[in-house]
Protein backbone atom coordinates (compact mmCIF):
# COMPACT_ATOMS: atom_id res chain seq x y z
CA UNK A 1 137.30 120.48 54.75
CA UNK A 2 136.01 121.98 51.51
CA UNK A 3 132.41 122.81 50.97
CA UNK A 4 130.62 119.87 49.41
CA UNK A 5 128.67 120.15 46.21
CA UNK A 6 124.94 119.73 46.05
CA UNK A 7 124.10 116.01 45.92
CA UNK A 8 120.84 116.63 44.01
CA UNK A 9 118.77 116.00 47.17
CA UNK A 10 117.30 119.31 48.14
CA UNK A 11 115.57 120.01 51.38
CA UNK A 12 111.82 119.99 50.97
CA UNK A 13 110.16 123.29 51.87
CA UNK A 14 108.30 123.05 55.15
CA UNK A 15 104.98 124.89 54.86
CA UNK A 16 104.93 125.55 58.60
CA UNK A 17 108.35 127.17 58.89
CA UNK A 18 108.88 128.19 55.24
CA UNK A 19 112.53 127.13 55.38
CA UNK A 20 114.98 127.72 52.57
CA UNK A 21 115.99 124.84 50.26
CA UNK A 22 119.52 123.55 49.90
CA UNK A 23 119.11 123.70 46.13
CA UNK A 24 120.01 127.11 44.69
CA UNK A 25 117.81 126.63 41.62
CA UNK A 26 114.77 125.83 43.78
CA UNK A 27 115.41 128.89 45.96
CA UNK A 28 115.65 131.13 42.90
CA UNK A 29 112.50 129.63 41.42
CA UNK A 30 110.60 130.19 44.68
CA UNK A 31 111.77 133.80 44.89
CA UNK A 32 110.80 134.55 41.30
CA UNK A 33 107.39 132.96 41.72
CA UNK A 34 106.66 134.78 44.97
CA UNK A 35 107.66 138.16 43.51
CA UNK A 36 105.70 137.60 40.31
CA UNK A 37 108.79 137.59 38.06
CA UNK A 38 109.02 141.36 38.56
CA UNK A 39 111.64 142.97 36.36
CA UNK A 40 113.06 145.11 39.18
CA UNK A 41 114.20 141.98 41.05
CA UNK A 42 117.88 141.56 40.16
CA UNK A 43 119.29 138.02 40.51
CA UNK A 44 123.03 137.83 39.73
CA UNK A 45 124.22 134.22 39.50
CA UNK A 46 127.93 133.49 39.87
CA UNK A 47 130.24 130.46 39.74
CA UNK A 48 133.28 130.39 42.04
CA UNK A 49 135.97 128.13 40.56
CA UNK A 50 138.12 128.01 43.70
CA UNK A 51 135.27 126.34 45.59
CA UNK A 52 134.71 123.45 43.23
CA UNK A 53 132.61 125.62 40.91
CA UNK A 54 130.24 126.57 43.74
CA UNK A 55 127.18 128.48 42.50
CA UNK A 56 125.83 131.51 44.38
CA UNK A 57 123.15 134.07 43.62
CA UNK A 58 123.12 137.73 44.68
CA UNK A 59 119.57 139.08 44.90
CA UNK A 60 118.38 142.64 45.35
CA UNK A 61 115.65 145.01 44.16
CA UNK A 62 116.65 147.77 41.78
CA UNK A 63 115.89 151.26 43.01
CA UNK A 64 115.87 150.65 46.75
CA UNK A 65 119.33 149.03 46.93
CA UNK A 66 122.58 150.92 46.46
CA UNK A 67 124.26 149.67 43.26
CA UNK A 68 127.61 151.16 44.20
CA UNK A 69 127.73 149.31 47.52
CA UNK A 70 126.72 146.05 45.85
CA UNK A 71 129.38 146.36 43.17
CA UNK A 72 132.29 147.70 45.25
CA UNK A 73 131.81 145.92 48.57
CA UNK A 74 130.06 142.65 47.66
CA UNK A 75 130.72 141.55 44.07
CA UNK A 76 134.37 142.66 43.89
CA UNK A 77 135.17 141.45 47.39
CA UNK A 78 133.67 138.02 46.76
CA UNK A 79 135.64 137.57 43.55
CA UNK A 80 138.90 139.04 44.82
CA UNK A 81 139.06 137.49 48.28
CA UNK A 82 137.97 134.01 47.28
CA UNK A 83 140.14 134.05 44.19
CA UNK A 84 143.23 134.75 46.32
CA UNK A 85 142.37 132.06 48.85
CA UNK A 86 144.18 128.72 48.46
CA UNK A 87 142.04 125.87 47.28
CA UNK A 88 140.35 123.51 49.74
CA UNK A 89 141.06 125.71 52.79
CA UNK A 90 137.59 127.13 53.51
CA UNK A 91 135.60 125.02 55.93
CA UNK A 92 132.44 127.15 56.32
CA UNK A 93 131.57 129.31 53.34
CA UNK A 94 128.92 131.28 55.25
CA UNK A 95 131.24 132.34 58.05
CA UNK A 96 134.05 133.03 55.61
CA UNK A 97 131.91 135.33 53.49
CA UNK A 98 130.62 137.23 56.51
CA UNK A 99 134.03 137.65 58.15
CA UNK A 100 136.35 138.02 55.15
CA UNK A 101 134.48 139.06 52.04
CA UNK A 102 131.52 141.32 52.83
CA UNK A 103 132.72 144.82 53.67
CA UNK A 104 129.31 146.17 54.66
CA UNK A 105 127.94 147.31 58.00
CA UNK A 106 125.22 144.82 58.88
CA UNK A 107 125.34 141.13 57.97
CA UNK A 108 122.90 138.50 59.21
CA UNK A 109 121.76 134.95 58.46
CA UNK A 110 118.36 134.11 57.02
CA UNK A 111 116.74 130.70 57.45
CA UNK A 112 113.28 131.07 55.89
CA UNK A 113 111.64 132.78 52.95
CA UNK A 114 109.63 135.17 55.12
CA UNK A 115 112.80 136.75 56.50
CA UNK A 116 114.38 136.66 53.04
CA UNK A 117 111.53 138.56 51.39
CA UNK A 118 111.47 141.08 54.24
CA UNK A 119 115.18 141.76 53.78
CA UNK A 120 114.96 142.09 50.00
CA UNK A 121 111.96 144.40 50.14
CA UNK A 122 113.74 146.56 52.72
CA UNK A 123 116.55 147.23 50.25
CA UNK A 124 119.00 144.64 51.53
CA UNK A 125 121.01 142.34 49.28
CA UNK A 126 120.69 138.59 49.91
CA UNK A 127 123.34 136.00 49.00
CA UNK A 128 122.01 132.47 48.43
CA UNK A 129 124.55 129.64 48.22
CA UNK A 130 124.26 126.24 46.55
CA UNK A 131 124.04 123.44 49.11
CA UNK A 132 123.27 125.81 51.98
CA UNK A 133 119.88 126.27 53.62
CA UNK A 134 121.08 129.54 55.13
CA UNK A 135 121.22 132.82 53.17
CA UNK A 136 123.22 135.94 53.99
CA UNK A 137 121.57 139.40 54.11
CA UNK A 138 123.71 142.53 53.78
CA UNK A 139 122.68 146.11 54.44
CA UNK A 140 122.70 147.89 51.07
CA UNK A 141 119.72 150.21 51.49
CA UNK A 142 119.79 153.17 49.16
CA UNK A 143 120.56 156.48 50.90
CA UNK A 144 118.35 158.50 48.54
CA UNK A 145 115.91 160.60 50.55
CA UNK A 146 114.66 164.14 50.90
CA UNK A 147 117.12 166.58 52.39
CA UNK A 148 116.50 168.06 55.83
CA UNK A 149 114.72 171.37 55.22
CA UNK A 150 112.75 173.94 57.21
CA UNK A 151 109.37 172.84 58.61
CA UNK A 152 106.53 173.30 56.16
CA UNK A 153 103.57 173.40 58.57
CA UNK A 154 105.22 174.90 61.67
CA UNK A 155 106.88 178.25 61.11
CA UNK A 156 110.13 178.95 62.96
CA UNK A 157 110.88 182.41 64.33
CA UNK A 158 113.60 181.49 66.77
CA UNK A 159 115.06 178.00 67.05
CA UNK A 160 116.46 175.20 64.91
CA UNK A 161 115.37 175.36 61.28
CA UNK A 162 115.25 171.68 60.49
CA UNK A 163 112.41 169.23 60.13
CA UNK A 164 111.92 165.50 59.88
CA UNK A 165 111.99 163.70 56.54
CA UNK A 166 110.28 160.59 55.19
CA UNK A 167 113.22 158.35 56.18
CA UNK A 168 112.96 156.70 59.60
CA UNK A 169 116.68 156.48 60.30
CA UNK A 170 117.22 160.11 59.36
CA UNK A 171 114.53 161.10 61.85
CA UNK A 172 115.98 159.02 64.67
CA UNK A 173 119.41 160.51 63.94
CA UNK A 174 117.99 164.05 64.16
CA UNK A 175 116.69 163.27 67.63
CA UNK A 176 119.92 161.58 68.77
CA UNK A 177 121.86 164.67 67.69
CA UNK A 178 119.92 166.64 70.27
CA UNK A 179 119.78 164.02 73.05
CA UNK A 180 123.22 162.39 73.32
CA UNK A 181 122.29 160.00 76.09
CA UNK A 182 122.65 156.23 76.24
CA UNK A 183 119.26 156.18 77.96
CA UNK A 184 117.51 157.23 74.76
CA UNK A 185 116.08 153.86 73.79
CA UNK A 186 114.32 152.75 70.62
CA UNK A 187 111.87 149.86 70.34
CA UNK A 188 111.11 148.77 66.76
CA UNK A 189 107.94 147.30 65.37
CA UNK A 190 106.80 146.29 61.86
CA UNK A 191 103.11 147.07 61.26
CA UNK A 192 101.10 146.35 58.14
CA UNK A 193 100.55 142.92 56.65
CA UNK A 194 101.23 144.24 53.14
CA UNK A 195 103.32 147.39 53.56
CA UNK A 196 105.52 146.02 56.38
CA UNK A 197 106.08 149.57 57.64
CA UNK A 198 108.84 150.17 60.17
CA UNK A 199 107.67 151.92 63.34
CA UNK A 200 110.00 153.14 66.10
CA UNK A 201 109.06 153.98 69.68
CA UNK A 202 111.57 156.34 71.32
CA UNK A 203 111.77 157.27 74.99
CA UNK A 204 114.33 158.14 77.65
CA UNK A 205 114.76 155.23 80.04
CA UNK A 206 114.59 156.39 83.62
CA UNK A 207 112.41 159.43 82.78
CA UNK A 208 109.49 157.96 80.83
CA UNK A 209 106.89 155.99 82.75
CA UNK A 210 107.56 152.30 82.15
CA UNK A 211 103.86 151.45 82.36
CA UNK A 212 103.00 153.96 79.64
CA UNK A 213 105.88 152.69 77.45
CA UNK A 214 104.58 149.13 77.78
CA UNK A 215 101.03 150.28 77.10
CA UNK A 216 102.17 152.00 73.87
CA UNK A 217 104.01 148.86 72.72
CA UNK A 218 101.02 146.64 73.58
CA UNK A 219 98.61 148.83 71.61
CA UNK A 220 100.93 148.83 68.61
CA UNK A 221 101.28 145.05 68.78
CA UNK A 222 97.50 144.67 68.65
CA UNK A 223 97.17 146.57 65.36
CA UNK A 224 96.16 144.30 62.48
CA UNK A 225 95.97 146.27 59.24
CA UNK A 226 97.04 145.83 55.64
CA UNK A 227 99.14 148.95 55.41
CA UNK A 228 100.45 151.99 57.28
CA UNK A 229 101.21 154.96 55.04
CA UNK A 230 101.15 157.76 57.62
CA UNK A 231 100.98 158.32 61.36
CA UNK A 232 97.24 158.94 61.11
CA UNK A 233 96.77 155.22 60.44
CA UNK A 234 98.07 154.49 63.95
CA UNK A 235 96.31 157.30 65.82
CA UNK A 236 92.87 155.75 65.48
CA UNK A 237 94.12 152.43 66.88
CA UNK A 238 96.12 153.65 69.87
CA UNK A 239 94.23 156.71 71.14
CA UNK A 240 92.03 156.34 74.20
CA UNK A 241 88.80 158.03 73.14
CA UNK A 242 87.77 156.78 69.70
CA UNK A 243 84.86 159.19 69.25
CA UNK A 244 86.26 162.44 70.64
CA UNK A 245 86.72 165.30 68.22
CA UNK A 246 89.65 166.66 70.21
CA UNK A 247 93.14 165.53 69.20
CA UNK A 248 94.33 162.86 71.63
CA UNK A 249 97.86 162.52 70.21
CA UNK A 250 100.27 165.33 69.47
CA UNK A 251 102.15 165.42 66.17
CA UNK A 252 104.96 167.62 64.92
CA UNK A 253 107.67 167.72 62.25
CA UNK A 254 110.25 169.51 64.39
CA UNK A 255 113.06 167.51 66.07
CA UNK A 256 113.54 170.13 68.81
CA UNK A 257 109.89 169.77 69.85
CA UNK A 258 110.24 165.99 70.08
CA UNK A 259 113.45 166.33 72.08
CA UNK A 260 111.68 168.61 74.54
CA UNK A 261 108.76 166.18 74.84
CA UNK A 262 111.11 163.26 75.48
CA UNK A 263 112.89 165.21 78.22
CA UNK A 264 109.53 165.70 79.94
CA UNK A 265 108.93 161.95 79.99
CA UNK A 266 106.75 161.53 76.93
CA UNK A 267 107.09 158.86 74.27
CA UNK A 268 107.65 159.48 70.56
CA UNK A 269 106.30 157.24 67.78
CA UNK A 270 108.05 157.47 64.41
CA UNK A 271 106.72 155.90 61.22
CA UNK A 272 108.84 155.26 58.14
CA UNK A 273 107.58 157.25 55.15
CA UNK A 274 106.20 160.35 56.91
CA UNK A 275 107.83 163.48 58.38
CA UNK A 276 105.31 163.73 61.24
CA UNK A 277 106.17 162.21 64.62
CA UNK A 278 103.60 161.40 67.33
CA UNK A 279 104.03 161.96 71.06
CA UNK A 280 102.02 160.48 73.94
CA UNK A 281 100.62 161.07 76.48
CA UNK A 282 99.23 164.48 75.62
CA UNK A 283 97.30 167.14 77.55
CA UNK A 284 95.13 169.98 76.28
CA UNK A 285 97.70 172.70 77.05
CA UNK A 286 100.25 170.99 74.78
CA UNK A 287 98.33 172.20 71.73
CA UNK A 288 98.58 175.82 72.88
CA UNK A 289 102.32 175.80 73.54
CA UNK A 290 105.01 176.50 70.95
CA UNK A 291 108.71 175.64 70.99
CA UNK A 292 109.59 179.34 70.71
CA UNK A 293 108.03 179.90 74.15
CA UNK A 294 111.10 178.31 75.71
CA UNK A 295 113.61 180.14 73.50
CA UNK A 296 112.68 183.72 74.42
CA UNK A 297 111.97 185.83 77.48
CA UNK A 298 109.54 184.13 79.85
CA UNK A 299 107.43 187.26 80.33
CA UNK A 300 106.86 187.63 76.58
CA UNK A 301 106.12 183.91 76.30
CA UNK A 302 103.56 184.10 79.12
CA UNK A 303 101.75 187.01 77.47
CA UNK A 304 101.66 185.17 74.16
CA UNK A 305 100.27 182.05 75.82
CA UNK A 306 97.51 184.06 77.48
CA UNK A 307 96.77 185.55 74.08
CA UNK A 308 96.40 182.03 72.63
CA UNK A 309 93.96 180.99 75.38
CA UNK A 310 91.94 184.16 74.75
CA UNK A 311 92.10 183.50 71.01
CA UNK A 312 90.74 179.96 71.34
CA UNK A 313 87.78 181.35 73.31
CA UNK A 314 87.05 183.98 70.66
CA UNK A 315 87.42 181.48 67.80
CA UNK A 316 84.96 179.15 69.52
CA UNK A 317 82.16 181.46 70.66
CA UNK A 318 82.35 184.74 68.69
CA UNK A 319 79.83 183.78 65.93
CA UNK A 320 77.50 182.16 68.44
CA UNK A 321 77.62 185.27 70.67
CA UNK A 322 76.67 187.41 67.70
CA UNK A 323 73.75 185.12 66.86
CA UNK A 324 72.54 185.00 70.50
CA UNK A 325 72.78 188.72 71.16
CA UNK A 326 71.23 189.90 67.89
CA UNK A 327 68.42 187.35 68.17
CA UNK A 328 67.49 187.30 71.89
CA UNK A 329 69.57 189.79 73.91
CA UNK A 330 69.59 193.08 72.00
CA UNK A 331 69.37 195.00 75.29
CA UNK A 332 72.98 193.98 76.10
CA UNK A 333 74.31 196.21 73.30
CA UNK A 334 74.81 199.97 73.62
CA UNK A 335 72.12 201.93 71.78
CA UNK A 336 74.46 203.38 69.08
CA UNK A 337 75.87 199.92 68.30
CA UNK A 338 72.42 198.39 68.27
CA UNK A 339 71.20 201.01 65.82
CA UNK A 340 74.26 200.49 63.61
CA UNK A 341 73.82 196.69 63.49
CA UNK A 342 70.06 197.04 62.87
CA UNK A 343 70.64 199.42 59.97
CA UNK A 344 73.18 197.04 58.41
CA UNK A 345 70.80 194.08 58.74
CA UNK A 346 67.82 196.01 57.38
CA UNK A 347 68.18 194.61 53.87
CA UNK A 348 69.43 191.13 54.85
CA UNK A 349 66.71 188.56 54.07
CA UNK A 350 68.03 185.85 56.44
CA UNK A 351 67.98 185.53 60.21
CA UNK A 352 71.26 185.95 62.05
CA UNK A 353 71.94 182.22 62.38
CA UNK A 354 71.48 181.58 58.65
CA UNK A 355 73.67 184.57 57.86
CA UNK A 356 76.40 183.26 60.16
CA UNK A 357 76.19 179.74 58.75
CA UNK A 358 76.42 181.04 55.17
CA UNK A 359 79.56 183.06 55.91
CA UNK A 360 81.23 180.32 57.94
CA UNK A 361 80.58 177.66 55.31
CA UNK A 362 81.73 180.00 52.53
CA UNK A 363 84.95 180.78 54.39
CA UNK A 364 85.64 177.09 55.08
CA UNK A 365 85.15 176.33 51.40
CA UNK A 366 87.58 179.06 50.40
CA UNK A 367 90.13 177.92 52.97
CA UNK A 368 89.93 174.29 51.85
CA UNK A 369 90.17 175.32 48.19
CA UNK A 370 93.26 177.37 48.95
CA UNK A 371 94.89 174.36 50.61
CA UNK A 372 94.16 171.96 47.72
CA UNK A 373 95.10 174.30 44.88
CA UNK A 374 98.67 174.42 43.52
CA UNK A 375 100.96 176.50 45.70
CA UNK A 376 101.53 179.09 43.00
CA UNK A 377 97.88 180.09 42.79
CA UNK A 378 96.33 178.79 46.02
CA UNK A 379 97.08 181.76 48.32
CA UNK A 380 96.14 184.30 45.65
CA UNK A 381 92.82 182.63 44.89
CA UNK A 382 91.86 182.27 48.55
CA UNK A 383 92.72 185.88 49.42
CA UNK A 384 91.11 187.39 46.33
CA UNK A 385 88.10 185.08 46.62
CA UNK A 386 87.54 186.09 50.25
CA UNK A 387 87.77 189.82 49.50
CA UNK A 388 85.64 189.68 46.38
CA UNK A 389 82.94 187.39 47.77
CA UNK A 390 82.77 189.24 51.08
CA UNK A 391 82.46 192.65 49.46
CA UNK A 392 79.96 191.40 46.88
CA UNK A 393 77.85 189.69 49.56
CA UNK A 394 77.64 192.90 51.59
CA UNK A 395 76.75 195.03 48.58
CA UNK A 396 74.13 192.53 47.45
CA UNK A 397 72.52 192.55 50.90
CA UNK A 398 73.02 188.84 51.49
CA UNK A 399 75.02 189.39 54.70
CA UNK A 400 75.81 192.39 56.87
CA UNK A 401 79.21 194.01 57.13
CA UNK A 402 79.50 193.23 60.84
CA UNK A 403 79.03 189.54 60.06
CA UNK A 404 81.96 189.65 57.64
CA UNK A 405 84.09 191.28 60.34
CA UNK A 406 83.15 188.64 62.92
CA UNK A 407 83.90 185.76 60.55
CA UNK A 408 87.25 187.32 59.61
CA UNK A 409 88.24 187.81 63.28
CA UNK A 410 87.17 184.26 64.07
CA UNK A 411 89.34 182.90 61.27
CA UNK A 412 92.34 184.95 62.39
CA UNK A 413 91.95 183.72 65.96
CA UNK A 414 91.86 180.11 64.76
CA UNK A 415 95.33 180.59 63.26
CA UNK A 416 96.84 181.41 66.68
CA UNK A 417 97.18 177.76 67.64
CA UNK A 418 100.56 176.10 67.02
CA UNK A 419 98.71 172.80 66.45
CA UNK A 420 96.64 172.47 63.29
CA UNK A 421 94.66 169.58 64.81
CA UNK A 422 93.16 171.78 67.53
CA UNK A 423 92.29 174.43 64.93
CA UNK A 424 90.19 171.86 63.04
CA UNK A 425 88.36 170.95 66.25
CA UNK A 426 87.46 174.56 66.99
CA UNK A 427 86.25 175.03 63.42
CA UNK A 428 83.83 172.14 63.80
CA UNK A 429 82.55 173.09 67.26
CA UNK A 430 81.54 176.57 66.13
CA UNK A 431 78.59 175.20 64.16
CA UNK A 432 76.74 173.39 66.99
CA UNK A 433 77.32 176.38 69.25
CA UNK A 434 75.69 178.66 66.65
CA UNK A 435 72.69 176.30 66.47
CA UNK A 436 72.35 176.34 70.28
CA UNK A 437 72.64 180.12 70.29
CA UNK A 438 69.87 180.41 67.69
CA UNK A 439 67.55 178.22 69.76
CA UNK A 440 68.30 179.16 73.39
CA UNK A 441 70.36 182.34 73.18
CA UNK A 442 73.20 182.85 75.65
CA UNK A 443 71.84 180.01 77.77
CA UNK A 444 72.48 177.67 74.84
CA UNK A 445 76.01 179.04 74.42
CA UNK A 446 76.79 178.49 78.10
CA UNK A 447 75.28 175.01 77.98
CA UNK A 448 77.45 174.14 74.98
CA UNK A 449 80.59 175.42 76.68
CA UNK A 450 79.79 173.47 79.84
CA UNK A 451 79.30 170.29 77.82
CA UNK A 452 82.66 170.84 76.07
CA UNK A 453 84.43 171.37 79.40
CA UNK A 454 82.82 168.26 80.91
CA UNK A 455 83.84 166.24 77.88
CA UNK A 456 87.43 167.51 78.12
CA UNK A 457 87.59 166.61 81.83
CA UNK A 458 86.44 163.07 81.03
CA UNK A 459 89.20 162.40 78.51
CA UNK A 460 92.45 160.60 79.26
CA UNK A 461 95.54 160.02 77.17
CA UNK A 462 97.26 156.78 78.17
CA UNK A 463 95.95 157.21 81.70
CA UNK A 464 96.89 160.90 82.03
CA UNK A 465 93.95 163.31 82.52
CA UNK A 466 93.54 165.43 79.40
CA UNK A 467 92.90 168.67 81.33
CA UNK A 468 95.80 168.36 83.75
CA UNK A 469 97.24 170.41 85.41
CA UNK A 470 93.87 172.18 85.71
CA UNK A 471 91.72 169.13 86.35
CA UNK A 472 93.00 167.65 88.56
CA UNK A 473 94.65 170.81 89.89
CA UNK A 474 98.43 170.37 90.20
CA UNK A 475 99.96 173.55 91.61
CA UNK A 476 103.57 172.70 90.74
CA UNK A 477 102.72 172.11 87.08
CA UNK A 478 101.11 175.56 86.76
CA UNK A 479 104.62 176.90 86.09
CA UNK A 480 104.34 175.66 82.52
CA UNK A 481 100.62 175.81 81.73
CA UNK A 482 98.79 179.05 80.94
CA UNK A 483 101.91 181.04 81.83
CA UNK A 484 105.61 180.17 81.69
CA UNK A 485 107.90 180.64 84.66
CA UNK A 486 111.64 181.36 84.26
CA UNK A 487 113.80 178.42 83.27
CA UNK A 488 115.48 178.32 86.67
CA UNK A 489 112.07 177.65 88.27
CA UNK A 490 111.17 174.71 86.00
CA UNK A 491 113.01 172.10 88.06
CA UNK A 492 110.25 169.47 87.98
CA UNK A 493 108.72 167.52 85.11
CA UNK A 494 104.94 167.09 84.71
CA UNK A 495 103.96 164.93 87.70
CA UNK A 496 101.38 162.77 85.92
CA UNK A 497 103.60 162.20 82.85
CA UNK A 498 106.97 161.39 84.38
CA UNK A 499 106.67 159.56 87.69
CA UNK A 500 110.11 157.93 87.89
CA UNK A 501 112.45 160.91 87.73
CA UNK A 502 110.25 163.92 88.41
CA UNK A 503 113.13 166.28 89.25
CA UNK A 504 115.37 167.48 86.49
CA UNK A 505 118.96 166.34 86.84
CA UNK A 506 120.68 169.67 87.22
CA UNK A 507 118.41 170.95 89.97
CA UNK A 508 118.50 167.53 91.64
CA UNK A 509 122.29 167.68 91.73
CA UNK A 510 122.26 171.21 93.15
CA UNK A 511 119.85 170.17 95.92
CA UNK A 512 122.04 167.22 96.87
CA UNK A 513 125.21 169.31 97.00
CA UNK A 514 123.53 171.87 99.29
CA UNK A 515 122.72 169.19 101.83
C-alpha cells in the first residue's frame, strides 16, 4: 500500500510530550522558530515523484555535520534507490529509508522535538517526512578534531607519547586500544541544560566496586547546571569534601595512566570538549606517583618516590623553618652559619616573616605571569625576571641572599610532583605555616603540620580513606605506596578500591594451577 499524502489535518503539538507534527511545513516552521532562523541551519527540501510527489526535508547544522557523508550517503542514495523502485510498492517509507536508502552507521527514530533538537545540535542529520510524525536521525557528525599529540602538562620520559583530545569518542577509543576487554563498560550521561555536554563513565566490570560506580552515576545525575565546559565543572559537584584545599579527584591527559587506574578498580569520567580525564576514588599517594614508575627498574622508581615525599616536605615547611629558626631558635644553628646569616640580614629592614612573604609573593606573581604570557616570551620573561629581581633585591638590601636561595629551592621542590593540583595546594599552605612560625616558632610549625595531617586523615573519596594505605594501615598495599615492589610482587589491587576482584588475574590463575 503506497504512502498516503497529507490530508491537511496535522497533528496538534502536545505541550506535555512535544511530539512532532504530521505536517512537514509545520515541523519546519517549528524548527526554524526554535533555532532563531540561524543561517547555519541547513534545511534541504525535496520532492520524490515516485512516491506521489512526497515531500521530505533533510536538516543539519553546517560546520558540525559532515557534508560529504550527507551528499554521498544520504542525498544520492535517497534519489537513486527510490527512483529505481517500482511505483506503489513501498508500504512503510520510514522502514524503507532506514533499511534500503541510508548507508550510514547509526539510524534511529525521533518522535518529539526535544530529541530532534538534541540530534541536530550533536551534528546528526534529521530527515522529516510529510505525513509522518516520526523523523529519522542519521549519524553524520564531522570528524574534524585535534590530532593525538604528546601530553602538554605531563612530560613523558619513558612510555606512550599520546594524550587525550577534546573529542569524547577519540578519548574512549584511546582507552579501548589499551584495554581490549568486553568488561570495559561505558555509561553515558548528558549534563548541562544549555550545553548538553556528553559525559562518559568508564570502568571495568568485575574489578570496579559496583557501589562506587553507582555512587558516581547518582552524583552525576543530581547535577543541575546550565553548562559544562571542562571537567572542573563536575569536580565541585561530585567530590566528597567541598571545602578541602587538597585535590579530591585525580585528573590526567594520558591514556596509559587512565588504563592503569581502571585496572586497579578505579572509575574514569570523560567529558566531551576537554583533554583531561578524571578518576575516582583517589588517595593522597596517587598524586606522588608517576606512570614512568612502572616502566623502569623498581629500585630506581622507589628512590624517586622517596625523593618526591622528601620534596613535598621541603616545599611545605622550608620557608617556615627559616622564619622560626631565625626569629626564635637561633641557638639551633652552628655559630659560623648564624654569623653568616646575621651579616646578610644586617641591612634588611624587614623581619624574617615579612622578608619571606615578599619573596614568596613575588615568585608566585612571576610564575603566574609566565603561565599567562604567550609561549614564545613567557619562559624567557619568567626566568629573566626571577634572576633580575632576585639579584636586585639582594643588592638593594630588601631581602637577604639566603632567603632567595630558600625560595628558589622551595619552588624547585614544588615541581617534583607529577600532579599540578597538589603543587597548588602546597603553594597555598606555605603561607599559613609561615605566619604560625612567626608567631609561635617551631611549635607553630609542628602545630600546623599536625592540623594538616589530621585534616588529611579525615578526608574520604567516595568512601575510601584519603590517607590509605597509611591510615588505616594496610600492609599489603605498602608494596605500591612510598616505595614500589617488583612487578611480580604486585599481585593484589588496592584493597579499599577494588573489593570484588582483589587478586590480579595472572597471579590468580597461577595460584589455582599450583593447587
